[in-house]
Full PDB file with SEQRES, HELIX, SHEET, SSBOND, CRYST1, ORIGX, SCALE, CONECT and MASTER records, all heavy atoms in Angstrom:
SEQRES   1 A   38  ALA LEU GLY GLN LEU PRO LEU GLY VAL LYS ALA LEU ALA          
SEQRES   2 A   38  THR HIS PRO ARG LYS SER VAL LYS LEU GLY SER GLY GLN          
SEQRES   3 A   38  LYS ASP LEU PRO VAL ARG ILE ALA GLY CYS ASP ILE              
HELIX    1 AA1 LEU A    2  GLN A    4  5                                   3    
SHEET    1 AA1 2 ARG A  32  ILE A  33  0                                        
SHEET    2 AA1 2 CYS A  36  ASP A  37 -1                                        
CRYST1    1.000    1.000    1.000  90.00  90.00  90.00 P 1           1          
ORIGX1      1.000000  0.000000  0.000000        0.00000                         
ORIGX2      0.000000  1.000000  0.000000        0.00000                         
ORIGX3      0.000000  0.000000  1.000000        0.00000                         
SCALE1      1.000000  0.000000  0.000000        0.00000                         
SCALE2      0.000000  1.000000  0.000000        0.00000                         
SCALE3      0.000000  0.000000  1.000000        0.00000                         
ATOM      1  N   ALA A   1     -13.725  -5.334  16.504  1.00  0.00           N  
ATOM      2  CA  ALA A   1     -12.983  -6.283  17.340  1.00  0.00           C  
ATOM      3  C   ALA A   1     -11.506  -5.904  17.417  1.00  0.00           C  
ATOM      4  O   ALA A   1     -10.887  -5.989  18.485  1.00  0.00           O  
ATOM      5  CB  ALA A   1     -13.145  -7.699  16.811  1.00  0.00           C  
ATOM      6  N   LEU A   2     -10.912  -5.463  16.304  1.00  0.00           N  
ATOM      7  CA  LEU A   2      -9.507  -5.037  16.327  1.00  0.00           C  
ATOM      8  C   LEU A   2      -9.320  -3.870  17.293  1.00  0.00           C  
ATOM      9  O   LEU A   2      -8.305  -3.779  17.981  1.00  0.00           O  
ATOM     10  CB  LEU A   2      -9.040  -4.628  14.928  1.00  0.00           C  
ATOM     11  CG  LEU A   2      -8.789  -5.735  13.925  1.00  0.00           C  
ATOM     12  CD1 LEU A   2      -8.463  -5.144  12.557  1.00  0.00           C  
ATOM     13  CD2 LEU A   2      -7.667  -6.663  14.385  1.00  0.00           C  
ATOM     14  N   GLY A   3     -10.298  -2.994  17.349  1.00  0.00           N  
ATOM     15  CA  GLY A   3     -10.221  -1.833  18.240  1.00  0.00           C  
ATOM     16  C   GLY A   3     -10.228  -2.185  19.712  1.00  0.00           C  
ATOM     17  O   GLY A   3      -9.873  -1.357  20.546  1.00  0.00           O  
ATOM     18  N   GLN A   4     -10.608  -3.412  20.040  1.00  0.00           N  
ATOM     19  CA  GLN A   4     -10.623  -3.864  21.429  1.00  0.00           C  
ATOM     20  C   GLN A   4      -9.337  -4.574  21.829  1.00  0.00           C  
ATOM     21  O   GLN A   4      -9.136  -4.888  23.005  1.00  0.00           O  
ATOM     22  CB  GLN A   4     -11.814  -4.800  21.669  1.00  0.00           C  
ATOM     23  CG  GLN A   4     -13.158  -4.154  21.408  1.00  0.00           C  
ATOM     24  CD  GLN A   4     -13.399  -2.950  22.295  1.00  0.00           C  
ATOM     25  OE1 GLN A   4     -13.233  -3.008  23.505  1.00  0.00           O  
ATOM     26  NE2 GLN A   4     -13.765  -1.829  21.688  1.00  0.00           N  
ATOM     27  N   LEU A   5      -8.470  -4.840  20.872  1.00  0.00           N  
ATOM     28  CA  LEU A   5      -7.240  -5.589  21.152  1.00  0.00           C  
ATOM     29  C   LEU A   5      -6.099  -4.661  21.573  1.00  0.00           C  
ATOM     30  O   LEU A   5      -5.992  -3.551  21.055  1.00  0.00           O  
ATOM     31  CB  LEU A   5      -6.803  -6.371  19.910  1.00  0.00           C  
ATOM     32  CG  LEU A   5      -7.726  -7.482  19.437  1.00  0.00           C  
ATOM     33  CD1 LEU A   5      -7.193  -8.080  18.137  1.00  0.00           C  
ATOM     34  CD2 LEU A   5      -7.854  -8.555  20.506  1.00  0.00           C  
ATOM     35  N   PRO A   6      -5.240  -5.118  22.489  1.00  0.00           N  
ATOM     36  CA  PRO A   6      -4.075  -4.328  22.882  1.00  0.00           C  
ATOM     37  C   PRO A   6      -2.973  -4.428  21.819  1.00  0.00           C  
ATOM     38  O   PRO A   6      -1.936  -5.061  22.011  1.00  0.00           O  
ATOM     39  CB  PRO A   6      -3.655  -4.966  24.206  1.00  0.00           C  
ATOM     40  CG  PRO A   6      -4.081  -6.393  24.092  1.00  0.00           C  
ATOM     41  CD  PRO A   6      -5.342  -6.368  23.267  1.00  0.00           C  
ATOM     42  N   LEU A   7      -3.232  -3.798  20.686  1.00  0.00           N  
ATOM     43  CA  LEU A   7      -2.385  -3.925  19.508  1.00  0.00           C  
ATOM     44  C   LEU A   7      -2.514  -2.657  18.678  1.00  0.00           C  
ATOM     45  O   LEU A   7      -3.610  -2.113  18.544  1.00  0.00           O  
ATOM     46  CB  LEU A   7      -2.865  -5.132  18.672  1.00  0.00           C  
ATOM     47  CG  LEU A   7      -2.137  -5.465  17.387  1.00  0.00           C  
ATOM     48  CD1 LEU A   7      -0.729  -5.983  17.686  1.00  0.00           C  
ATOM     49  CD2 LEU A   7      -2.924  -6.516  16.601  1.00  0.00           C  
ATOM     50  N   GLY A   8      -1.398  -2.184  18.127  1.00  0.00           N  
ATOM     51  CA  GLY A   8      -1.447  -1.067  17.202  1.00  0.00           C  
ATOM     52  C   GLY A   8      -1.716  -1.580  15.804  1.00  0.00           C  
ATOM     53  O   GLY A   8      -1.078  -2.536  15.357  1.00  0.00           O  
ATOM     54  N   VAL A   9      -2.659  -0.969  15.101  1.00  0.00           N  
ATOM     55  CA  VAL A   9      -2.960  -1.352  13.724  1.00  0.00           C  
ATOM     56  C   VAL A   9      -3.222  -0.090  12.911  1.00  0.00           C  
ATOM     57  O   VAL A   9      -4.132   0.671  13.228  1.00  0.00           O  
ATOM     58  CB  VAL A   9      -4.197  -2.276  13.616  1.00  0.00           C  
ATOM     59  CG1 VAL A   9      -4.488  -2.607  12.155  1.00  0.00           C  
ATOM     60  CG2 VAL A   9      -4.012  -3.543  14.426  1.00  0.00           C  
ATOM     61  N   LYS A  10      -2.418   0.117  11.889  1.00  0.00           N  
ATOM     62  CA  LYS A  10      -2.622   1.214  10.939  1.00  0.00           C  
ATOM     63  C   LYS A  10      -2.853   0.567   9.579  1.00  0.00           C  
ATOM     64  O   LYS A  10      -2.119  -0.342   9.177  1.00  0.00           O  
ATOM     65  CB  LYS A  10      -1.401   2.121  10.853  1.00  0.00           C  
ATOM     66  CG  LYS A  10      -1.014   2.787  12.162  1.00  0.00           C  
ATOM     67  CD  LYS A  10      -1.819   4.006  12.425  1.00  0.00           C  
ATOM     68  CE  LYS A  10      -1.245   4.757  13.625  1.00  0.00           C  
ATOM     69  NZ  LYS A  10      -2.001   5.944  13.941  1.00  0.00           N  
ATOM     70  N   ALA A  11      -3.872   1.028   8.860  1.00  0.00           N  
ATOM     71  CA  ALA A  11      -4.188   0.490   7.540  1.00  0.00           C  
ATOM     72  C   ALA A  11      -4.877   1.581   6.731  1.00  0.00           C  
ATOM     73  O   ALA A  11      -5.252   2.627   7.266  1.00  0.00           O  
ATOM     74  CB  ALA A  11      -5.075  -0.746   7.664  1.00  0.00           C  
ATOM     75  N   LEU A  12      -5.075   1.312   5.446  1.00  0.00           N  
ATOM     76  CA  LEU A  12      -5.697   2.290   4.565  1.00  0.00           C  
ATOM     77  C   LEU A  12      -7.193   2.425   4.794  1.00  0.00           C  
ATOM     78  O   LEU A  12      -7.737   3.525   4.740  1.00  0.00           O  
ATOM     79  CB  LEU A  12      -5.449   1.906   3.103  1.00  0.00           C  
ATOM     80  CG  LEU A  12      -3.993   1.853   2.650  1.00  0.00           C  
ATOM     81  CD1 LEU A  12      -3.912   1.403   1.195  1.00  0.00           C  
ATOM     82  CD2 LEU A  12      -3.315   3.199   2.844  1.00  0.00           C  
ATOM     83  N   ALA A  13      -7.879   1.300   5.009  1.00  0.00           N  
ATOM     84  CA  ALA A  13      -9.335   1.308   5.111  1.00  0.00           C  
ATOM     85  C   ALA A  13      -9.803  -0.053   5.614  1.00  0.00           C  
ATOM     86  O   ALA A  13      -8.990  -0.939   5.881  1.00  0.00           O  
ATOM     87  CB  ALA A  13      -9.949   1.592   3.731  1.00  0.00           C  
ATOM     88  N   THR A  14     -11.115  -0.188   5.707  1.00  0.00           N  
ATOM     89  CA  THR A  14     -11.706  -1.486   6.039  1.00  0.00           C  
ATOM     90  C   THR A  14     -12.342  -2.067   4.782  1.00  0.00           C  
ATOM     91  O   THR A  14     -12.710  -1.340   3.854  1.00  0.00           O  
ATOM     92  CB  THR A  14     -12.792  -1.363   7.127  1.00  0.00           C  
ATOM     93  OG1 THR A  14     -13.820  -0.496   6.663  1.00  0.00           O  
ATOM     94  CG2 THR A  14     -12.196  -0.849   8.420  1.00  0.00           C  
ATOM     95  N   HIS A  15     -12.450  -3.394   4.781  1.00  0.00           N  
ATOM     96  CA  HIS A  15     -13.119  -4.102   3.683  1.00  0.00           C  
ATOM     97  C   HIS A  15     -13.647  -5.418   4.251  1.00  0.00           C  
ATOM     98  O   HIS A  15     -12.918  -6.127   4.929  1.00  0.00           O  
ATOM     99  CB  HIS A  15     -12.130  -4.385   2.549  1.00  0.00           C  
ATOM    100  CG  HIS A  15     -12.801  -4.699   1.256  1.00  0.00           C  
ATOM    101  ND1 HIS A  15     -13.535  -5.843   1.054  1.00  0.00           N  
ATOM    102  CD2 HIS A  15     -12.872  -4.000   0.107  1.00  0.00           C  
ATOM    103  CE1 HIS A  15     -14.018  -5.843  -0.168  1.00  0.00           C  
ATOM    104  NE2 HIS A  15     -13.633  -4.728  -0.767  1.00  0.00           N  
ATOM    105  N   PRO A  16     -14.894  -5.771   3.973  1.00  0.00           N  
ATOM    106  CA  PRO A  16     -15.459  -6.980   4.566  1.00  0.00           C  
ATOM    107  C   PRO A  16     -14.981  -8.292   3.951  1.00  0.00           C  
ATOM    108  O   PRO A  16     -15.081  -9.345   4.573  1.00  0.00           O  
ATOM    109  CB  PRO A  16     -16.967  -6.817   4.348  1.00  0.00           C  
ATOM    110  CG  PRO A  16     -17.085  -5.930   3.154  1.00  0.00           C  
ATOM    111  CD  PRO A  16     -15.896  -5.004   3.221  1.00  0.00           C  
ATOM    112  N   ARG A  17     -14.418  -8.243   2.748  1.00  0.00           N  
ATOM    113  CA  ARG A  17     -14.008  -9.473   2.052  1.00  0.00           C  
ATOM    114  C   ARG A  17     -12.654  -9.950   2.559  1.00  0.00           C  
ATOM    115  O   ARG A  17     -11.723  -9.181   2.705  1.00  0.00           O  
ATOM    116  CB  ARG A  17     -13.944  -9.226   0.550  1.00  0.00           C  
ATOM    117  CG  ARG A  17     -13.542 -10.471  -0.241  1.00  0.00           C  
ATOM    118  CD  ARG A  17     -13.706 -10.275  -1.733  1.00  0.00           C  
ATOM    119  NE  ARG A  17     -15.154 -10.334  -2.014  1.00  0.00           N  
ATOM    120  CZ  ARG A  17     -15.779  -9.517  -2.845  1.00  0.00           C  
ATOM    121  NH1 ARG A  17     -15.139  -8.581  -3.490  1.00  0.00           N  
ATOM    122  NH2 ARG A  17     -17.074  -9.640  -3.035  1.00  0.00           N  
ATOM    123  N   LYS A  18     -12.538 -11.280   2.800  1.00  0.00           N  
ATOM    124  CA  LYS A  18     -11.250 -11.859   3.191  1.00  0.00           C  
ATOM    125  C   LYS A  18     -10.367 -12.032   1.961  1.00  0.00           C  
ATOM    126  O   LYS A  18     -10.846 -12.047   0.829  1.00  0.00           O  
ATOM    127  CB  LYS A  18     -11.449 -13.188   3.914  1.00  0.00           C  
ATOM    128  CG  LYS A  18     -12.041 -14.280   3.049  1.00  0.00           C  
ATOM    129  CD  LYS A  18     -12.261 -15.540   3.859  1.00  0.00           C  
ATOM    130  CE  LYS A  18     -12.922 -16.615   3.000  1.00  0.00           C  
ATOM    131  NZ  LYS A  18     -13.132 -17.840   3.758  1.00  0.00           N  
ATOM    132  N   SER A  19      -9.066 -12.191   2.217  1.00  0.00           N  
ATOM    133  CA  SER A  19      -8.120 -12.382   1.118  1.00  0.00           C  
ATOM    134  C   SER A  19      -8.106 -13.838   0.677  1.00  0.00           C  
ATOM    135  O   SER A  19      -8.641 -14.716   1.348  1.00  0.00           O  
ATOM    136  CB  SER A  19      -6.710 -11.969   1.560  1.00  0.00           C  
ATOM    137  OG  SER A  19      -6.136 -12.974   2.362  1.00  0.00           O  
ATOM    138  N   VAL A  20      -7.425 -14.072  -0.437  1.00  0.00           N  
ATOM    139  CA  VAL A  20      -7.196 -15.446  -0.876  1.00  0.00           C  
ATOM    140  C   VAL A  20      -6.085 -16.046  -0.016  1.00  0.00           C  
ATOM    141  O   VAL A  20      -5.374 -15.338   0.683  1.00  0.00           O  
ATOM    142  CB  VAL A  20      -6.822 -15.521  -2.375  1.00  0.00           C  
ATOM    143  CG1 VAL A  20      -7.961 -15.002  -3.232  1.00  0.00           C  
ATOM    144  CG2 VAL A  20      -5.540 -14.774  -2.657  1.00  0.00           C  
ATOM    145  N   LYS A  21      -5.936 -17.360  -0.088  1.00  0.00           N  
ATOM    146  CA  LYS A  21      -4.903 -18.068   0.681  1.00  0.00           C  
ATOM    147  C   LYS A  21      -4.124 -18.967  -0.281  1.00  0.00           C  
ATOM    148  O   LYS A  21      -4.398 -20.136  -0.401  1.00  0.00           O  
ATOM    149  CB  LYS A  21      -5.531 -18.937   1.780  1.00  0.00           C  
ATOM    150  CG  LYS A  21      -6.580 -18.238   2.620  1.00  0.00           C  
ATOM    151  CD  LYS A  21      -5.988 -17.283   3.616  1.00  0.00           C  
ATOM    152  CE  LYS A  21      -7.001 -16.790   4.618  1.00  0.00           C  
ATOM    153  NZ  LYS A  21      -7.752 -15.602   4.224  1.00  0.00           N  
ATOM    154  N   LEU A  22      -3.150 -18.369  -0.967  1.00  0.00           N  
ATOM    155  CA  LEU A  22      -2.371 -19.109  -1.955  1.00  0.00           C  
ATOM    156  C   LEU A  22      -0.933 -19.358  -1.504  1.00  0.00           C  
ATOM    157  O   LEU A  22      -0.179 -20.032  -2.207  1.00  0.00           O  
ATOM    158  CB  LEU A  22      -2.373 -18.364  -3.300  1.00  0.00           C  
ATOM    159  CG  LEU A  22      -3.741 -18.101  -3.914  1.00  0.00           C  
ATOM    160  CD1 LEU A  22      -3.619 -17.228  -5.153  1.00  0.00           C  
ATOM    161  CD2 LEU A  22      -4.436 -19.412  -4.231  1.00  0.00           C  
ATOM    162  N   GLY A  23      -0.547 -18.783  -0.381  1.00  0.00           N  
ATOM    163  CA  GLY A  23       0.818 -18.960   0.107  1.00  0.00           C  
ATOM    164  C   GLY A  23       1.842 -18.121  -0.626  1.00  0.00           C  
ATOM    165  O   GLY A  23       3.029 -18.434  -0.600  1.00  0.00           O  
ATOM    166  N   SER A  24       1.400 -17.051  -1.270  1.00  0.00           N  
ATOM    167  CA  SER A  24       2.342 -16.208  -2.012  1.00  0.00           C  
ATOM    168  C   SER A  24       2.813 -15.037  -1.159  1.00  0.00           C  
ATOM    169  O   SER A  24       2.233 -14.726  -0.129  1.00  0.00           O  
ATOM    170  CB  SER A  24       1.685 -15.699  -3.299  1.00  0.00           C  
ATOM    171  OG  SER A  24       0.601 -14.856  -2.986  1.00  0.00           O  
ATOM    172  N   GLY A  25       3.883 -14.407  -1.594  1.00  0.00           N  
ATOM    173  CA  GLY A  25       4.430 -13.243  -0.902  1.00  0.00           C  
ATOM    174  C   GLY A  25       5.884 -13.450  -0.540  1.00  0.00           C  
ATOM    175  O   GLY A  25       6.431 -14.546  -0.687  1.00  0.00           O  
ATOM    176  N   GLN A  26       6.515 -12.364  -0.087  1.00  0.00           N  
ATOM    177  CA  GLN A  26       7.924 -12.394   0.294  1.00  0.00           C  
ATOM    178  C   GLN A  26       8.092 -11.742   1.661  1.00  0.00           C  
ATOM    179  O   GLN A  26       7.341 -10.834   2.019  1.00  0.00           O  
ATOM    180  CB  GLN A  26       8.765 -11.636  -0.733  1.00  0.00           C  
ATOM    181  CG  GLN A  26       8.717 -12.230  -2.126  1.00  0.00           C  
ATOM    182  CD  GLN A  26       9.382 -11.304  -3.124  1.00  0.00           C  
ATOM    183  OE1 GLN A  26       8.829 -10.277  -3.493  1.00  0.00           O  
ATOM    184  NE2 GLN A  26      10.585 -11.661  -3.543  1.00  0.00           N  
ATOM    185  N   LYS A  27       9.124 -12.190   2.378  1.00  0.00           N  
ATOM    186  CA  LYS A  27       9.391 -11.687   3.726  1.00  0.00           C  
ATOM    187  C   LYS A  27      10.806 -11.122   3.805  1.00  0.00           C  
ATOM    188  O   LYS A  27      11.717 -11.608   3.135  1.00  0.00           O  
ATOM    189  CB  LYS A  27       9.231 -12.829   4.737  1.00  0.00           C  
ATOM    190  CG  LYS A  27       9.403 -12.414   6.184  1.00  0.00           C  
ATOM    191  CD  LYS A  27       9.159 -13.582   7.115  1.00  0.00           C  
ATOM    192  CE  LYS A  27       9.390 -13.148   8.558  1.00  0.00           C  
ATOM    193  NZ  LYS A  27       9.191 -14.257   9.476  1.00  0.00           N  
ATOM    194  N   ASP A  28      10.960 -10.122   4.687  1.00  0.00           N  
ATOM    195  CA  ASP A  28      12.270  -9.542   5.017  1.00  0.00           C  
ATOM    196  C   ASP A  28      12.998  -8.977   3.811  1.00  0.00           C  
ATOM    197  O   ASP A  28      14.156  -9.298   3.560  1.00  0.00           O  
ATOM    198  CB  ASP A  28      13.156 -10.570   5.737  1.00  0.00           C  
ATOM    199  CG  ASP A  28      12.651 -10.876   7.140  1.00  0.00           C  
ATOM    200  OD1 ASP A  28      12.025  -9.994   7.748  1.00  0.00           O  
ATOM    201  OD2 ASP A  28      12.873 -11.999   7.613  1.00  0.00           O  
ATOM    202  N   LEU A  29      12.322  -8.111   3.065  1.00  0.00           N  
ATOM    203  CA  LEU A  29      12.962  -7.403   1.981  1.00  0.00           C  
ATOM    204  C   LEU A  29      12.566  -5.933   2.070  1.00  0.00           C  
ATOM    205  O   LEU A  29      11.548  -5.603   2.676  1.00  0.00           O  
ATOM    206  CB  LEU A  29      12.582  -7.984   0.625  1.00  0.00           C  
ATOM    207  CG  LEU A  29      11.155  -7.764   0.129  1.00  0.00           C  
ATOM    208  CD1 LEU A  29      11.114  -7.981  -1.373  1.00  0.00           C  
ATOM    209  CD2 LEU A  29      10.216  -8.737   0.796  1.00  0.00           C  
ATOM    210  N   PRO A  30      13.363  -5.028   1.512  1.00  0.00           N  
ATOM    211  CA  PRO A  30      12.980  -3.619   1.529  1.00  0.00           C  
ATOM    212  C   PRO A  30      11.675  -3.411   0.763  1.00  0.00           C  
ATOM    213  O   PRO A  30      11.437  -4.052  -0.259  1.00  0.00           O  
ATOM    214  CB  PRO A  30      14.145  -2.917   0.824  1.00  0.00           C  
ATOM    215  CG  PRO A  30      15.291  -3.869   0.922  1.00  0.00           C  
ATOM    216  CD  PRO A  30      14.678  -5.240   0.904  1.00  0.00           C  
ATOM    217  N   VAL A  31      10.837  -2.513   1.276  1.00  0.00           N  
ATOM    218  CA  VAL A  31       9.573  -2.175   0.624  1.00  0.00           C  
ATOM    219  C   VAL A  31       9.461  -0.657   0.567  1.00  0.00           C  
ATOM    220  O   VAL A  31      10.179   0.062   1.268  1.00  0.00           O  
ATOM    221  CB  VAL A  31       8.354  -2.781   1.364  1.00  0.00           C  
ATOM    222  CG1 VAL A  31       8.405  -4.302   1.334  1.00  0.00           C  
ATOM    223  CG2 VAL A  31       8.237  -2.266   2.792  1.00  0.00           C  
ATOM    224  N   ARG A  32       8.556  -0.183  -0.241  1.00  0.00           N  
ATOM    225  CA  ARG A  32       8.273   1.250  -0.302  1.00  0.00           C  
ATOM    226  C   ARG A  32       6.772   1.432  -0.164  1.00  0.00           C  
ATOM    227  O   ARG A  32       6.007   0.975  -1.015  1.00  0.00           O  
ATOM    228  CB  ARG A  32       8.763   1.862  -1.606  1.00  0.00           C  
ATOM    229  CG  ARG A  32       8.521   3.364  -1.680  1.00  0.00           C  
ATOM    230  CD  ARG A  32       9.247   4.022  -2.834  1.00  0.00           C  
ATOM    231  NE  ARG A  32       8.986   5.445  -2.878  1.00  0.00           N  
ATOM    232  CZ  ARG A  32       9.625   6.362  -2.153  1.00  0.00           C  
ATOM    233  NH1 ARG A  32      10.578   5.994  -1.320  1.00  0.00           N  
ATOM    234  NH2 ARG A  32       9.311   7.644  -2.254  1.00  0.00           N  
ATOM    235  N   ILE A  33       6.372   2.077   0.924  1.00  0.00           N  
ATOM    236  CA  ILE A  33       4.959   2.384   1.129  1.00  0.00           C  
ATOM    237  C   ILE A  33       4.839   3.814   1.647  1.00  0.00           C  
ATOM    238  O   ILE A  33       5.740   4.320   2.324  1.00  0.00           O  
ATOM    239  CB  ILE A  33       4.245   1.397   2.088  1.00  0.00           C  
ATOM    240  CG1 ILE A  33       4.837   1.430   3.486  1.00  0.00           C  
ATOM    241  CG2 ILE A  33       4.246  -0.011   1.540  1.00  0.00           C  
ATOM    242  CD1 ILE A  33       4.013   0.658   4.501  1.00  0.00           C  
ATOM    243  N   ALA A  34       3.746   4.447   1.310  1.00  0.00           N  
ATOM    244  CA  ALA A  34       3.442   5.800   1.782  1.00  0.00           C  
ATOM    245  C   ALA A  34       4.610   6.752   1.568  1.00  0.00           C  
ATOM    246  O   ALA A  34       4.922   7.585   2.422  1.00  0.00           O  
ATOM    247  CB  ALA A  34       3.017   5.762   3.244  1.00  0.00           C  
ATOM    248  N   GLY A  35       5.270   6.617   0.421  1.00  0.00           N  
ATOM    249  CA  GLY A  35       6.357   7.511   0.066  1.00  0.00           C  
ATOM    250  C   GLY A  35       7.651   7.305   0.817  1.00  0.00           C  
ATOM    251  O   GLY A  35       8.538   8.159   0.794  1.00  0.00           O  
ATOM    252  N   CYS A  36       7.792   6.177   1.485  1.00  0.00           N  
ATOM    253  CA  CYS A  36       8.960   5.934   2.334  1.00  0.00           C  
ATOM    254  C   CYS A  36       9.562   4.557   2.053  1.00  0.00           C  
ATOM    255  O   CYS A  36       8.838   3.571   1.958  1.00  0.00           O  
ATOM    256  CB  CYS A  36       8.538   6.026   3.798  1.00  0.00           C  
ATOM    257  SG  CYS A  36       9.881   6.004   4.979  1.00  0.00           S  
ATOM    258  N   ASP A  37      10.885   4.521   1.934  1.00  0.00           N  
ATOM    259  CA  ASP A  37      11.590   3.242   1.820  1.00  0.00           C  
ATOM    260  C   ASP A  37      11.757   2.668   3.222  1.00  0.00           C  
ATOM    261  O   ASP A  37      12.230   3.360   4.128  1.00  0.00           O  
ATOM    262  CB  ASP A  37      12.962   3.441   1.167  1.00  0.00           C  
ATOM    263  CG  ASP A  37      12.846   3.864  -0.276  1.00  0.00           C  
ATOM    264  OD1 ASP A  37      11.974   3.337  -0.991  1.00  0.00           O  
ATOM    265  OD2 ASP A  37      13.622   4.749  -0.699  1.00  0.00           O  
ATOM    266  N   ILE A  38      11.381   1.410   3.385  1.00  0.00           N  
ATOM    267  CA  ILE A  38      11.402   0.756   4.695  1.00  0.00           C  
ATOM    268  C   ILE A  38      12.135  -0.568   4.561  1.00  0.00           C  
ATOM    269  O   ILE A  38      11.847  -1.350   3.657  1.00  0.00           O  
ATOM    270  CB  ILE A  38       9.967   0.520   5.211  1.00  0.00           C  
ATOM    271  CG1 ILE A  38       9.222   1.860   5.307  1.00  0.00           C  
ATOM    272  CG2 ILE A  38       9.977  -0.203   6.552  1.00  0.00           C  
ATOM    273  CD1 ILE A  38       7.757   1.719   5.611  1.00  0.00           C  
TER     274      ILE A  38                                                      
MASTER        0    0    0    1    2    0    0    6  273    1    0    3          
END                                                                             
């Protein structure tokens, strides 16, 4: 279904299990992924 949407999506892999919904996480801070500071 994601492949049919007019949207770019890059991710590591697929997984059928949904995530938890606890309201945790942070927004608008520097991160480091795939060897790059963003």
